[in-house]
């Protein structure tokens, strides 16, 4: 879309200019976007050539662009005064570090991930953090404004409540059996586990154990699976409770 906008603005600013656009696929998937591309071609005379550019080199004061028009089935060579590369967008280099600090997830390209693409498009898995704009994926202005409005309404709904509710199913640590390896802290996606020093009656340190911040814990169970001493359990889903449910189902007459 910004490529079509470049071609349109070029014709408006330099009336005798001719824009050539090499493309493989045109994805104009917004309201009125296809019409915008067609207007760039039909009204402003931009020439769209389906094919890839194989080489760009300078010859005198001109840039020679060699490519292929796959629809016509022949090579194309254009003398250009300026060549503009329609580069893709990338996430910020520090996006992964910021996501780790906030306790949110990213996709394979380091864009921030939402909790659910349809049911929770502006919310993250970590409560109280909302997404808006191109931090999630490349967006144009209308999509960014719409998402910002949605995120603002979520924040208003959050602040309008007298109390904040949290999930009752959170992790619990047995300080008696905990060895203090803190492997659960390393794997926790919500940074809800901290180290805690156990003191004796005289105030002397005995050992270090893991401690769960219930306000940050979402009960995902990752720490339970990682704990080697089985010292971490989910409230309401402890081993004896699960076995009691199995026994009740298996031996109910």
C-alpha atoms as a PDB file:
ATOM      1  CA  UNK A   1       0.000   0.000   0.000  1.00  0.00           C
ATOM      2  CA  UNK A   2       2.801   2.442   0.755  1.00  0.00           C
ATOM      3  CA  UNK A   3       4.344   1.447  -2.542  1.00  0.00           C
ATOM      4  CA  UNK A   4       1.182   2.554  -4.359  1.00  0.00           C
ATOM      5  CA  UNK A   5       1.156   5.739  -2.314  1.00  0.00           C
ATOM      6  CA  UNK A   6       4.733   6.491  -3.395  1.00  0.00           C
ATOM      7  CA  UNK A   7       3.729   6.127  -7.049  1.00  0.00           C
ATOM      8  CA  UNK A   8       0.694   8.381  -6.552  1.00  0.00           C
ATOM      9  CA  UNK A   9       2.625  11.118  -4.741  1.00  0.00           C
ATOM     10  CA  UNK A  10       5.377  11.023  -7.343  1.00  0.00           C
ATOM     11  CA  UNK A  11       2.860  11.767 -10.103  1.00  0.00           C
ATOM     12  CA  UNK A  12       1.248  14.542  -8.062  1.00  0.00           C
ATOM     13  CA  UNK A  13       4.570  16.264  -7.313  1.00  0.00           C
ATOM     14  CA  UNK A  14       6.315  15.589 -10.640  1.00  0.00           C
ATOM     15  CA  UNK A  15       3.632  15.603 -13.311  1.00  0.00           C
ATOM     16  CA  UNK A  16       5.803  14.340 -16.176  1.00  0.00           C
ATOM     17  CA  UNK A  17       7.265  11.466 -14.132  1.00  0.00           C
ATOM     18  CA  UNK A  18       6.518   7.830 -14.870  1.00  0.00           C
ATOM     19  CA  UNK A  19       6.363   5.263 -12.048  1.00  0.00           C
ATOM     20  CA  UNK A  20       7.135   1.580 -12.624  1.00  0.00           C
ATOM     21  CA  UNK A  21       6.284  -0.956  -9.922  1.00  0.00           C
ATOM     22  CA  UNK A  22       7.644  -4.504  -9.974  1.00  0.00           C
ATOM     23  CA  UNK A  23       5.506  -6.870  -7.919  1.00  0.00           C
ATOM     24  CA  UNK A  24       4.727 -10.535  -7.406  1.00  0.00           C
ATOM     25  CA  UNK A  25       1.419 -10.275  -5.528  1.00  0.00           C
ATOM     26  CA  UNK A  26      -0.745  -7.293  -4.623  1.00  0.00           C
ATOM     27  CA  UNK A  27      -2.414  -7.682  -1.240  1.00  0.00           C
ATOM     28  CA  UNK A  28      -4.718  -4.717  -0.711  1.00  0.00           C
ATOM     29  CA  UNK A  29      -6.966  -6.193   1.958  1.00  0.00           C
ATOM     30  CA  UNK A  30      -8.488  -3.109   3.589  1.00  0.00           C
ATOM     31  CA  UNK A  31     -11.619  -1.083   2.943  1.00  0.00           C
ATOM     32  CA  UNK A  32     -11.117   0.871  -0.285  1.00  0.00           C
ATOM     33  CA  UNK A  33      -7.522  -0.356  -0.656  1.00  0.00           C
ATOM     34  CA  UNK A  34      -8.083  -2.209  -3.916  1.00  0.00           C
ATOM     35  CA  UNK A  35      -9.752   0.904  -5.329  1.00  0.00           C
ATOM     36  CA  UNK A  36      -6.731   2.950  -4.244  1.00  0.00           C
ATOM     37  CA  UNK A  37      -4.353   0.669  -6.148  1.00  0.00           C
ATOM     38  CA  UNK A  38      -6.585   0.725  -9.225  1.00  0.00           C
ATOM     39  CA  UNK A  39      -6.759   4.534  -9.064  1.00  0.00           C
ATOM     40  CA  UNK A  40      -2.963   4.685  -8.905  1.00  0.00           C
ATOM     41  CA  UNK A  41      -2.775   2.606 -12.078  1.00  0.00           C
ATOM     42  CA  UNK A  42      -5.702   3.994 -14.088  1.00  0.00           C
ATOM     43  CA  UNK A  43      -5.749   7.666 -13.060  1.00  0.00           C
ATOM     44  CA  UNK A  44      -2.097   8.338 -12.297  1.00  0.00           C
ATOM     45  CA  UNK A  45      -0.636   6.031 -14.921  1.00  0.00           C
ATOM     46  CA  UNK A  46       1.612   3.881 -12.740  1.00  0.00           C
ATOM     47  CA  UNK A  47       2.824   0.839 -14.670  1.00  0.00           C
ATOM     48  CA  UNK A  48       2.718  -2.378 -12.640  1.00  0.00           C
ATOM     49  CA  UNK A  49       4.977  -5.152 -13.943  1.00  0.00           C
ATOM     50  CA  UNK A  50       4.514  -8.620 -12.501  1.00  0.00           C
ATOM     51  CA  UNK A  51       7.979 -10.056 -12.043  1.00  0.00           C
ATOM     52  CA  UNK A  52      11.149  -9.806 -10.022  1.00  0.00           C
ATOM     53  CA  UNK A  53      14.049  -7.436 -10.528  1.00  0.00           C
ATOM     54  CA  UNK A  54      17.232  -9.335 -11.328  1.00  0.00           C
ATOM     55  CA  UNK A  55      19.747  -6.488 -11.355  1.00  0.00           C
ATOM     56  CA  UNK A  56      20.103  -2.740 -10.730  1.00  0.00           C
ATOM     57  CA  UNK A  57      23.243  -0.968 -11.911  1.00  0.00           C
ATOM     58  CA  UNK A  58      24.316   2.571 -12.769  1.00  0.00           C
ATOM     59  CA  UNK A  59      25.005   3.669 -16.297  1.00  0.00           C
ATOM     60  CA  UNK A  60      26.060   7.307 -16.536  1.00  0.00           C
ATOM     61  CA  UNK A  61      23.550   9.409 -14.596  1.00  0.00           C
ATOM     62  CA  UNK A  62      20.832   6.754 -14.889  1.00  0.00           C
ATOM     63  CA  UNK A  63      20.008   3.601 -12.953  1.00  0.00           C
ATOM     64  CA  UNK A  64      19.282   0.582 -15.135  1.00  0.00           C
ATOM     65  CA  UNK A  65      16.700  -1.810 -13.742  1.00  0.00           C
ATOM     66  CA  UNK A  66      16.555  -5.246 -15.311  1.00  0.00           C
ATOM     67  CA  UNK A  67      13.613  -7.497 -14.579  1.00  0.00           C
ATOM     68  CA  UNK A  68      11.015  -9.747 -16.111  1.00  0.00           C
ATOM     69  CA  UNK A  69       7.395  -9.184 -17.036  1.00  0.00           C
ATOM     70  CA  UNK A  70       5.984 -12.646 -16.379  1.00  0.00           C
ATOM     71  CA  UNK A  71       2.557 -11.750 -17.783  1.00  0.00           C
ATOM     72  CA  UNK A  72       4.052 -10.681 -21.134  1.00  0.00           C
ATOM     73  CA  UNK A  73       6.729 -13.360 -20.957  1.00  0.00           C
ATOM     74  CA  UNK A  74       9.659 -11.089 -21.829  1.00  0.00           C
ATOM     75  CA  UNK A  75      12.571  -9.335 -20.082  1.00  0.00           C
ATOM     76  CA  UNK A  76      12.256  -5.660 -19.177  1.00  0.00           C
ATOM     77  CA  UNK A  77      14.963  -2.991 -18.899  1.00  0.00           C
ATOM     78  CA  UNK A  78      14.099   0.459 -17.531  1.00  0.00           C
ATOM     79  CA  UNK A  79      16.232   3.601 -17.291  1.00  0.00           C
ATOM     80  CA  UNK A  80      15.327   5.191 -13.950  1.00  0.00           C
ATOM     81  CA  UNK A  81      16.308   8.351 -12.129  1.00  0.00           C
ATOM     82  CA  UNK A  82      15.457   6.807  -8.748  1.00  0.00           C
ATOM     83  CA  UNK A  83      14.950   3.262  -7.486  1.00  0.00           C
ATOM     84  CA  UNK A  84      12.908   2.736  -4.336  1.00  0.00           C
ATOM     85  CA  UNK A  85      13.025  -0.589  -2.516  1.00  0.00           C
ATOM     86  CA  UNK A  86       9.721  -1.622  -0.932  1.00  0.00           C
ATOM     87  CA  UNK A  87      11.279  -3.157   2.157  1.00  0.00           C
ATOM     88  CA  UNK A  88       9.387  -5.188   4.725  1.00  0.00           C
ATOM     89  CA  UNK A  89       8.950  -4.052   8.322  1.00  0.00           C
ATOM     90  CA  UNK A  90      10.804  -5.722  11.177  1.00  0.00           C
ATOM     91  CA  UNK A  91      10.217  -5.645  14.893  1.00  0.00           C
ATOM     92  CA  UNK A  92      12.407  -3.453  17.084  1.00  0.00           C
ATOM     93  CA  UNK A  93      15.755  -5.078  17.964  1.00  0.00           C
ATOM     94  CA  UNK A  94      14.965  -4.884  21.684  1.00  0.00           C
ATOM     95  CA  UNK A  95      11.402  -6.201  21.357  1.00  0.00           C
ATOM     96  CA  UNK A  96      12.359  -9.605  22.752  1.00  0.00           C
ATOM     97  CA  UNK A  97      13.996  -8.064  25.825  1.00  0.00           C
ATOM     98  CA  UNK A  98      10.990  -5.798  26.456  1.00  0.00           C
ATOM     99  CA  UNK A  99       8.617  -8.756  26.131  1.00  0.00           C
ATOM    100  CA  UNK A 100      10.685 -10.687  28.670  1.00  0.00           C
ATOM    101  CA  UNK A 101      10.539  -7.778  31.127  1.00  0.00           C
ATOM    102  CA  UNK A 102       6.769  -7.386  30.703  1.00  0.00           C
ATOM    103  CA  UNK A 103       6.110 -11.109  30.847  1.00  0.00           C
ATOM    104  CA  UNK A 104       4.400 -11.281  27.456  1.00  0.00           C
ATOM    105  CA  UNK A 105       5.053 -13.529  24.480  1.00  0.00           C
ATOM    106  CA  UNK A 106       6.246 -12.885  20.941  1.00  0.00           C
ATOM    107  CA  UNK A 107       5.914 -14.751  17.675  1.00  0.00           C
ATOM    108  CA  UNK A 108       8.769 -16.128  15.586  1.00  0.00           C
ATOM    109  CA  UNK A 109       9.456 -12.656  14.136  1.00  0.00           C
ATOM    110  CA  UNK A 110       9.555 -10.925  17.572  1.00  0.00           C
ATOM    111  CA  UNK A 111       6.188  -9.179  17.177  1.00  0.00           C
ATOM    112  CA  UNK A 112       4.173  -9.071  20.414  1.00  0.00           C
ATOM    113  CA  UNK A 113       1.483 -11.763  20.576  1.00  0.00           C
ATOM    114  CA  UNK A 114      -2.109 -11.244  21.685  1.00  0.00           C
ATOM    115  CA  UNK A 115      -3.954 -13.586  24.031  1.00  0.00           C
ATOM    116  CA  UNK A 116      -6.378 -14.692  21.285  1.00  0.00           C
ATOM    117  CA  UNK A 117      -6.563 -13.406  17.690  1.00  0.00           C
ATOM    118  CA  UNK A 118     -10.381 -13.217  17.711  1.00  0.00           C
ATOM    119  CA  UNK A 119     -11.625 -13.143  21.310  1.00  0.00           C
ATOM    120  CA  UNK A 120      -8.832 -11.025  22.840  1.00  0.00           C
ATOM    121  CA  UNK A 121      -7.122  -9.144  19.994  1.00  0.00           C
ATOM    122  CA  UNK A 122      -5.660  -6.329  22.152  1.00  0.00           C
ATOM    123  CA  UNK A 123      -4.985  -8.226  25.378  1.00  0.00           C
ATOM    124  CA  UNK A 124      -1.880 -10.147  26.396  1.00  0.00           C
ATOM    125  CA  UNK A 125      -1.659 -13.273  28.500  1.00  0.00           C
ATOM    126  CA  UNK A 126      -0.317 -11.051  31.277  1.00  0.00           C
ATOM    127  CA  UNK A 127      -3.242  -9.138  32.752  1.00  0.00           C
ATOM    128  CA  UNK A 128      -3.159  -5.349  32.506  1.00  0.00           C
ATOM    129  CA  UNK A 129      -0.974  -5.179  29.372  1.00  0.00           C
ATOM    130  CA  UNK A 130      -2.649  -4.264  26.070  1.00  0.00           C
ATOM    131  CA  UNK A 131      -1.375  -3.960  22.509  1.00  0.00           C
ATOM    132  CA  UNK A 132      -1.937  -1.146  20.029  1.00  0.00           C
ATOM    133  CA  UNK A 133      -0.265  -0.283  16.752  1.00  0.00           C
ATOM    134  CA  UNK A 134       2.657  -1.787  14.908  1.00  0.00           C
ATOM    135  CA  UNK A 135       4.175  -3.496  17.958  1.00  0.00           C
ATOM    136  CA  UNK A 136       1.916  -6.461  17.162  1.00  0.00           C
ATOM    137  CA  UNK A 137       2.445  -6.613  13.400  1.00  0.00           C
ATOM    138  CA  UNK A 138       2.763  -4.063  10.550  1.00  0.00           C
ATOM    139  CA  UNK A 139      -0.372  -1.914  10.502  1.00  0.00           C
ATOM    140  CA  UNK A 140      -1.631   1.176   8.745  1.00  0.00           C
ATOM    141  CA  UNK A 141      -3.204   4.194  10.436  1.00  0.00           C
ATOM    142  CA  UNK A 142      -6.886   3.053  10.473  1.00  0.00           C
ATOM    143  CA  UNK A 143      -6.024  -0.325  12.031  1.00  0.00           C
ATOM    144  CA  UNK A 144      -3.746   1.319  14.594  1.00  0.00           C
ATOM    145  CA  UNK A 145      -6.414   3.859  15.583  1.00  0.00           C
ATOM    146  CA  UNK A 146      -9.086   1.168  15.894  1.00  0.00           C
ATOM    147  CA  UNK A 147      -6.845  -1.024  18.017  1.00  0.00           C
ATOM    148  CA  UNK A 148      -5.810   1.910  20.200  1.00  0.00           C
ATOM    149  CA  UNK A 149      -9.481   2.681  20.856  1.00  0.00           C
ATOM    150  CA  UNK A 150     -10.066  -0.942  21.825  1.00  0.00           C
ATOM    151  CA  UNK A 151      -7.062  -0.958  24.158  1.00  0.00           C
ATOM    152  CA  UNK A 152      -8.197   2.316  25.759  1.00  0.00           C
ATOM    153  CA  UNK A 153     -11.679   0.882  26.406  1.00  0.00           C
ATOM    154  CA  UNK A 154     -10.105  -2.167  28.048  1.00  0.00           C
ATOM    155  CA  UNK A 155      -8.041   0.068  30.325  1.00  0.00           C
ATOM    156  CA  UNK A 156     -11.129   2.100  31.263  1.00  0.00           C
ATOM    157  CA  UNK A 157     -12.980  -1.116  32.064  1.00  0.00           C
ATOM    158  CA  UNK A 158     -10.078  -2.270  34.208  1.00  0.00           C
ATOM    159  CA  UNK A 159      -9.854   0.989  36.179  1.00  0.00           C
ATOM    160  CA  UNK A 160     -13.620   1.276  36.633  1.00  0.00           C
ATOM    161  CA  UNK A 161     -13.726  -1.756  38.938  1.00  0.00           C
ATOM    162  CA  UNK A 162     -13.364  -1.165  42.703  1.00  0.00           C
ATOM    163  CA  UNK A 163     -11.360  -4.378  43.056  1.00  0.00           C
ATOM    164  CA  UNK A 164      -9.153  -6.389  40.745  1.00  0.00           C
ATOM    165  CA  UNK A 165      -9.970 -10.063  40.436  1.00  0.00           C
ATOM    166  CA  UNK A 166      -7.337 -12.755  40.031  1.00  0.00           C
ATOM    167  CA  UNK A 167      -7.553 -16.434  39.248  1.00  0.00           C
ATOM    168  CA  UNK A 168      -7.811 -18.661  42.360  1.00  0.00           C
ATOM    169  CA  UNK A 169      -5.791 -21.406  40.705  1.00  0.00           C
ATOM    170  CA  UNK A 170      -2.234 -20.324  41.443  1.00  0.00           C
ATOM    171  CA  UNK A 171       0.954 -22.165  42.252  1.00  0.00           C
ATOM    172  CA  UNK A 172       2.027 -22.922  45.818  1.00  0.00           C
ATOM    173  CA  UNK A 173       5.502 -23.850  47.018  1.00  0.00           C
ATOM    174  CA  UNK A 174       6.235 -26.267  49.862  1.00  0.00           C
ATOM    175  CA  UNK A 175       9.062 -24.580  51.729  1.00  0.00           C
ATOM    176  CA  UNK A 176       9.874 -27.839  53.521  1.00  0.00           C
ATOM    177  CA  UNK A 177      10.783 -29.820  50.404  1.00  0.00           C
ATOM    178  CA  UNK A 178      11.895 -26.944  48.135  1.00  0.00           C
ATOM    179  CA  UNK A 179      15.596 -27.268  47.310  1.00  0.00           C
ATOM    180  CA  UNK A 180      15.978 -23.693  46.121  1.00  0.00           C
ATOM    181  CA  UNK A 181      17.173 -24.567  42.613  1.00  0.00           C
ATOM    182  CA  UNK A 182      14.834 -21.858  41.247  1.00  0.00           C
ATOM    183  CA  UNK A 183      14.341 -23.727  37.995  1.00  0.00           C
ATOM    184  CA  UNK A 184      10.683 -22.763  38.287  1.00  0.00           C
ATOM    185  CA  UNK A 185      11.716 -19.110  38.266  1.00  0.00           C
ATOM    186  CA  UNK A 186      13.580 -19.553  34.995  1.00  0.00           C
ATOM    187  CA  UNK A 187      10.659 -21.172  33.171  1.00  0.00           C
ATOM    188  CA  UNK A 188       7.849 -18.987  34.536  1.00  0.00           C
ATOM    189  CA  UNK A 189       6.451 -16.929  31.604  1.00  0.00           C
ATOM    190  CA  UNK A 190       4.874 -14.346  33.943  1.00  0.00           C
ATOM    191  CA  UNK A 191       7.884 -13.667  36.236  1.00  0.00           C
ATOM    192  CA  UNK A 192       5.653 -14.634  39.160  1.00  0.00           C
ATOM    193  CA  UNK A 193       8.287 -16.610  41.082  1.00  0.00           C
ATOM    194  CA  UNK A 194      10.931 -15.008  43.281  1.00  0.00           C
ATOM    195  CA  UNK A 195      13.576 -16.261  45.667  1.00  0.00           C
ATOM    196  CA  UNK A 196      12.903 -16.156  49.383  1.00  0.00           C
ATOM    197  CA  UNK A 197      15.327 -16.620  52.284  1.00  0.00           C
ATOM    198  CA  UNK A 198      14.100 -18.701  55.235  1.00  0.00           C
ATOM    199  CA  UNK A 199      15.365 -17.456  58.609  1.00  0.00           C
ATOM    200  CA  UNK A 200      15.542 -19.232  61.952  1.00  0.00           C
ATOM    201  CA  UNK A 201      14.303 -17.760  65.208  1.00  0.00           C
ATOM    202  CA  UNK A 202      17.593 -15.964  65.697  1.00  0.00           C
ATOM    203  CA  UNK A 203      17.331 -14.331  62.295  1.00  0.00           C
ATOM    204  CA  UNK A 204      20.025 -16.426  60.672  1.00  0.00           C
ATOM    205  CA  UNK A 205      19.444 -17.623  57.091  1.00  0.00           C
ATOM    206  CA  UNK A 206      18.652 -21.305  56.785  1.00  0.00           C
ATOM    207  CA  UNK A 207      18.042 -21.822  53.084  1.00  0.00           C
ATOM    208  CA  UNK A 208      16.664 -20.168  49.953  1.00  0.00           C
ATOM    209  CA  UNK A 209      13.342 -21.313  48.520  1.00  0.00           C
ATOM    210  CA  UNK A 210      11.011 -20.241  45.738  1.00  0.00           C
ATOM    211  CA  UNK A 211       8.091 -17.932  46.475  1.00  0.00           C
ATOM    212  CA  UNK A 212       5.034 -17.299  44.260  1.00  0.00           C
ATOM    213  CA  UNK A 213       3.576 -13.833  43.723  1.00  0.00           C
ATOM    214  CA  UNK A 214      -0.123 -14.705  43.514  1.00  0.00           C
ATOM    215  CA  UNK A 215      -0.952 -11.401  41.862  1.00  0.00           C
ATOM    216  CA  UNK A 216       1.203 -12.297  38.847  1.00  0.00           C
ATOM    217  CA  UNK A 217       0.623 -16.048  38.723  1.00  0.00           C
ATOM    218  CA  UNK A 218      -1.843 -17.264  36.088  1.00  0.00           C
ATOM    219  CA  UNK A 219      -1.836 -20.929  37.045  1.00  0.00           C
ATOM    220  CA  UNK A 220      -0.343 -22.157  33.782  1.00  0.00           C
ATOM    221  CA  UNK A 221       1.458 -25.040  35.536  1.00  0.00           C
ATOM    222  CA  UNK A 222       4.822 -24.600  33.857  1.00  0.00           C
ATOM    223  CA  UNK A 223       6.600 -24.387  37.203  1.00  0.00           C
ATOM    224  CA  UNK A 224       4.830 -27.561  38.398  1.00  0.00           C
ATOM    225  CA  UNK A 225       6.175 -29.506  35.436  1.00  0.00           C
ATOM    226  CA  UNK A 226       9.690 -28.091  35.882  1.00  0.00           C
ATOM    227  CA  UNK A 227      10.024 -28.706  39.636  1.00  0.00           C
ATOM    228  CA  UNK A 228      12.233 -31.773  40.185  1.00  0.00           C
ATOM    229  CA  UNK A 229      11.309 -32.224  43.851  1.00  0.00           C
ATOM    230  CA  UNK A 230       7.537 -31.827  43.241  1.00  0.00           C
ATOM    231  CA  UNK A 231       7.529 -28.939  45.696  1.00  0.00           C
ATOM    232  CA  UNK A 232       5.348 -26.748  43.468  1.00  0.00           C
ATOM    233  CA  UNK A 233       1.658 -27.610  43.141  1.00  0.00           C
ATOM    234  CA  UNK A 234      -1.372 -25.820  41.730  1.00  0.00           C
ATOM    235  CA  UNK A 235      -3.970 -24.846  44.284  1.00  0.00           C
ATOM    236  CA  UNK A 236      -6.938 -27.129  43.785  1.00  0.00           C
ATOM    237  CA  UNK A 237      -4.959 -29.483  41.557  1.00  0.00           C
ATOM    238  CA  UNK A 238      -2.526 -31.102  43.968  1.00  0.00           C
ATOM    239  CA  UNK A 239      -1.540 -34.724  43.478  1.00  0.00           C
ATOM    240  CA  UNK A 240      -3.709 -36.065  46.319  1.00  0.00           C
ATOM    241  CA  UNK A 241      -6.683 -34.059  45.086  1.00  0.00           C
ATOM    242  CA  UNK A 242      -6.339 -35.340  41.527  1.00  0.00           C
ATOM    243  CA  UNK A 243      -5.936 -38.923  42.751  1.00  0.00           C
ATOM    244  CA  UNK A 244      -9.048 -38.518  44.916  1.00  0.00           C
ATOM    245  CA  UNK A 245     -11.008 -37.400  41.851  1.00  0.00           C
ATOM    246  CA  UNK A 246      -9.766 -40.399  39.872  1.00  0.00           C
ATOM    247  CA  UNK A 247     -10.687 -42.768  42.705  1.00  0.00           C
ATOM    248  CA  UNK A 248     -14.140 -41.185  42.961  1.00  0.00           C
ATOM    249  CA  UNK A 249     -14.741 -41.654  39.242  1.00  0.00           C
ATOM    250  CA  UNK A 250     -13.293 -45.147  39.065  1.00  0.00           C
ATOM    251  CA  UNK A 251     -14.971 -46.661  42.131  1.00  0.00           C
ATOM    252  CA  UNK A 252     -18.343 -44.892  42.058  1.00  0.00           C
ATOM    253  CA  UNK A 253     -21.028 -47.593  41.925  1.00  0.00           C
END
